[in-house]
């Protein structure tokens, strides 16, 4: 079933993100003047990872949709609602928390908030397209697959996922440890 492939794709992207943040990625980081301290990087990464964890949890809850076309549609609509809310809520929480207290914290903040905001809008748009489909249409599954094909949620910029100042925070934040453990067991 195509929706299973989409869910697996989301998990793979999240796992790769977790591995990159935990130090498996590499990038050249040029020294810059220290930014004024803001949010605790561990708390900031915790919010970031918790948001991604909510997306994985929503995907897990929708792992076995009913076999009827209407059941599939309803499960995917619920998944879209839950995922969109998780992305939007995480963007809001990161905005309230403020930039992490690292060099170029504002850039990291803008990247993360931009990612979660864009992802929320993308999922909302896909949900609207899926909601418009008729589950009784004999071509429903093909049309559903077309609506879900290749959702480009974007990704946090490479500078965020390879930031050497955020790597220790990722390794320390319980939400990030849980995210990696959850993704590894899938």
Protein backbone atom coordinates (compact mmCIF):
# COMPACT_ATOMS: atom_id res chain seq x y z
CA UNK A 1 0.00 0.00 0.00
CA UNK A 2 1.37 3.40 -0.99
CA UNK A 3 0.59 5.14 2.31
CA UNK A 4 2.82 2.63 4.10
CA UNK A 5 5.69 3.64 1.83
CA UNK A 6 5.05 7.31 2.64
CA UNK A 7 5.09 6.56 6.37
CA UNK A 8 8.30 4.57 6.02
CA UNK A 9 9.82 7.48 4.09
CA UNK A 10 8.97 9.89 6.91
CA UNK A 11 10.60 7.59 9.45
CA UNK A 12 13.74 7.23 7.32
CA UNK A 13 14.07 11.01 6.98
CA UNK A 14 13.63 11.45 10.73
CA UNK A 15 16.15 8.71 11.48
CA UNK A 16 18.68 10.30 9.12
CA UNK A 17 18.09 13.63 10.81
CA UNK A 18 18.65 12.06 14.22
CA UNK A 19 21.84 10.37 13.07
CA UNK A 20 23.14 13.58 11.55
CA UNK A 21 22.43 15.50 14.73
CA UNK A 22 24.04 12.84 16.88
CA UNK A 23 27.31 13.26 15.05
CA UNK A 24 27.12 10.98 12.04
CA UNK A 25 26.95 13.98 9.70
CA UNK A 26 29.85 16.25 9.05
CA UNK A 27 30.29 19.80 7.90
CA UNK A 28 32.90 22.46 8.01
CA UNK A 29 31.95 25.02 10.63
CA UNK A 30 33.65 28.38 10.35
CA UNK A 31 34.21 30.17 13.66
CA UNK A 32 31.97 33.17 14.08
CA UNK A 33 31.61 35.68 16.87
CA UNK A 34 29.65 34.34 19.81
CA UNK A 35 25.95 35.10 19.77
CA UNK A 36 24.23 36.38 22.86
CA UNK A 37 22.86 33.49 24.93
CA UNK A 38 19.19 32.79 24.61
CA UNK A 39 17.39 29.48 25.05
CA UNK A 40 19.22 26.56 26.60
CA UNK A 41 20.39 24.42 23.61
CA UNK A 42 19.34 21.17 25.35
CA UNK A 43 15.83 22.52 25.96
CA UNK A 44 15.69 23.88 22.42
CA UNK A 45 16.74 20.55 20.90
CA UNK A 46 14.26 18.82 23.19
CA UNK A 47 11.41 20.83 21.68
CA UNK A 48 12.76 20.18 18.18
CA UNK A 49 12.99 16.41 18.76
CA UNK A 50 9.66 16.23 20.60
CA UNK A 51 7.98 17.70 17.52
CA UNK A 52 9.55 15.09 15.28
CA UNK A 53 8.63 12.43 17.84
CA UNK A 54 4.99 13.46 17.66
CA UNK A 55 5.08 12.97 13.89
CA UNK A 56 6.50 9.46 14.32
CA UNK A 57 3.87 8.69 16.98
CA UNK A 58 1.09 9.83 14.63
CA UNK A 59 2.53 7.65 11.88
CA UNK A 60 2.68 4.66 14.22
CA UNK A 61 -0.93 5.17 15.26
CA UNK A 62 -1.98 5.07 11.59
CA UNK A 63 0.22 2.09 10.69
CA UNK A 64 -2.67 -0.32 10.14
CA UNK A 65 -5.53 1.55 8.48
CA UNK A 66 -8.77 -0.28 7.75
CA UNK A 67 -8.84 -2.10 4.42
CA UNK A 68 -11.80 -0.24 2.99
CA UNK A 69 -11.17 2.84 0.83
CA UNK A 70 -13.17 5.01 3.25
CA UNK A 71 -11.25 3.57 6.19
CA UNK A 72 -7.95 4.32 4.44
CA UNK A 73 -9.07 7.83 3.66
CA UNK A 74 -10.22 8.45 7.23
CA UNK A 75 -6.94 7.09 8.65
CA UNK A 76 -4.88 9.28 6.33
CA UNK A 77 -6.97 12.35 7.17
CA UNK A 78 -6.42 11.68 10.88
CA UNK A 79 -2.71 11.21 10.25
CA UNK A 80 -2.58 14.47 8.31
CA UNK A 81 -4.44 16.34 11.06
CA UNK A 82 -2.20 15.00 13.81
CA UNK A 83 0.98 15.56 11.83
CA UNK A 84 0.01 19.08 10.78
CA UNK A 85 -0.79 19.98 14.39
CA UNK A 86 2.53 18.55 15.60
CA UNK A 87 4.50 20.57 13.04
CA UNK A 88 2.58 23.78 13.77
CA UNK A 89 2.79 23.33 17.55
CA UNK A 90 6.54 22.72 17.36
CA UNK A 91 7.07 25.85 15.26
CA UNK A 92 5.08 27.82 17.85
CA UNK A 93 7.00 26.34 20.81
CA UNK A 94 10.38 27.03 19.18
CA UNK A 95 9.29 30.60 18.43
CA UNK A 96 8.25 31.11 22.06
CA UNK A 97 11.46 29.55 23.33
CA UNK A 98 13.65 31.75 21.17
CA UNK A 99 16.92 30.95 19.43
CA UNK A 100 19.25 28.44 21.04
CA UNK A 101 22.16 29.98 22.90
CA UNK A 102 24.77 29.08 20.31
CA UNK A 103 26.76 30.88 17.66
CA UNK A 104 24.31 31.70 14.86
CA UNK A 105 21.39 30.71 17.08
CA UNK A 106 19.04 32.97 15.15
CA UNK A 107 19.94 31.19 11.94
CA UNK A 108 19.28 27.80 13.56
CA UNK A 109 16.00 29.16 14.93
CA UNK A 110 14.91 30.53 11.57
CA UNK A 111 15.80 27.26 9.85
CA UNK A 112 13.93 25.06 12.33
CA UNK A 113 10.86 27.28 12.59
CA UNK A 114 10.81 27.61 8.80
CA UNK A 115 11.00 23.83 8.40
CA UNK A 116 8.16 23.12 10.84
CA UNK A 117 6.00 25.94 9.45
CA UNK A 118 6.50 24.83 5.85
CA UNK A 119 5.87 21.19 6.76
CA UNK A 120 2.64 22.13 8.54
CA UNK A 121 1.41 24.06 5.48
CA UNK A 122 2.42 21.26 3.10
CA UNK A 123 0.61 18.63 5.15
CA UNK A 124 -2.48 20.87 5.42
CA UNK A 125 -2.51 21.29 1.63
CA UNK A 126 -2.12 17.54 1.06
CA UNK A 127 -4.90 16.90 3.56
CA UNK A 128 -7.25 19.23 1.69
CA UNK A 129 -6.51 17.42 -1.57
CA UNK A 130 -7.08 14.03 0.05
CA UNK A 131 -10.32 15.19 1.69
CA UNK A 132 -11.68 16.17 -1.72
CA UNK A 133 -11.31 12.61 -3.05
CA UNK A 134 -14.33 10.31 -3.24
CA UNK A 135 -13.58 7.03 -1.43
CA UNK A 136 -16.26 5.34 -3.56
CA UNK A 137 -14.48 6.23 -6.81
CA UNK A 138 -13.16 3.01 -8.42
CA UNK A 139 -9.85 4.83 -8.97
CA UNK A 140 -9.66 6.07 -5.38
CA UNK A 141 -6.46 4.24 -4.48
CA UNK A 142 -4.62 5.57 -7.54
CA UNK A 143 -5.88 9.11 -6.92
CA UNK A 144 -4.91 8.77 -3.23
CA UNK A 145 -1.42 7.65 -4.24
CA UNK A 146 -1.13 10.63 -6.58
CA UNK A 147 -2.08 13.02 -3.77
CA UNK A 148 0.48 11.49 -1.42
CA UNK A 149 3.26 10.96 -3.95
CA UNK A 150 6.49 12.69 -3.09
CA UNK A 151 5.35 15.11 -0.41
CA UNK A 152 8.30 17.46 -0.17
CA UNK A 153 8.32 18.64 3.41
CA UNK A 154 11.76 20.08 2.97
CA UNK A 155 14.36 19.60 5.66
CA UNK A 156 16.16 21.72 8.16
CA UNK A 157 19.17 23.24 6.44
CA UNK A 158 22.41 21.27 6.51
CA UNK A 159 23.81 23.98 8.79
CA UNK A 160 21.26 23.04 11.44
CA UNK A 161 21.67 19.30 11.30
CA UNK A 162 25.46 19.49 11.28
CA UNK A 163 25.87 22.29 13.82
CA UNK A 164 28.63 21.18 16.18
CA UNK A 165 27.17 23.26 19.02
CA UNK A 166 23.79 21.51 18.78
CA UNK A 167 25.23 17.99 18.53
CA UNK A 168 25.92 17.72 22.30
CA UNK A 169 22.46 19.13 23.04
CA UNK A 170 20.94 16.51 20.75
CA UNK A 171 22.80 13.77 22.58
CA UNK A 172 21.72 15.12 25.97
CA UNK A 173 18.04 15.99 25.40
CA UNK A 174 15.83 13.07 26.53
CA UNK A 175 13.38 13.80 23.72
CA UNK A 176 16.18 13.36 21.15
CA UNK A 177 17.37 10.14 22.75
CA UNK A 178 13.81 8.84 22.63
CA UNK A 179 13.47 9.95 18.99
CA UNK A 180 16.56 8.04 17.92
CA UNK A 181 15.54 4.95 19.93
CA UNK A 182 12.04 5.01 18.43
CA UNK A 183 13.31 5.45 14.89
CA UNK A 184 15.93 2.72 15.33
CA UNK A 185 13.27 0.19 16.39
CA UNK A 186 11.12 0.73 13.33
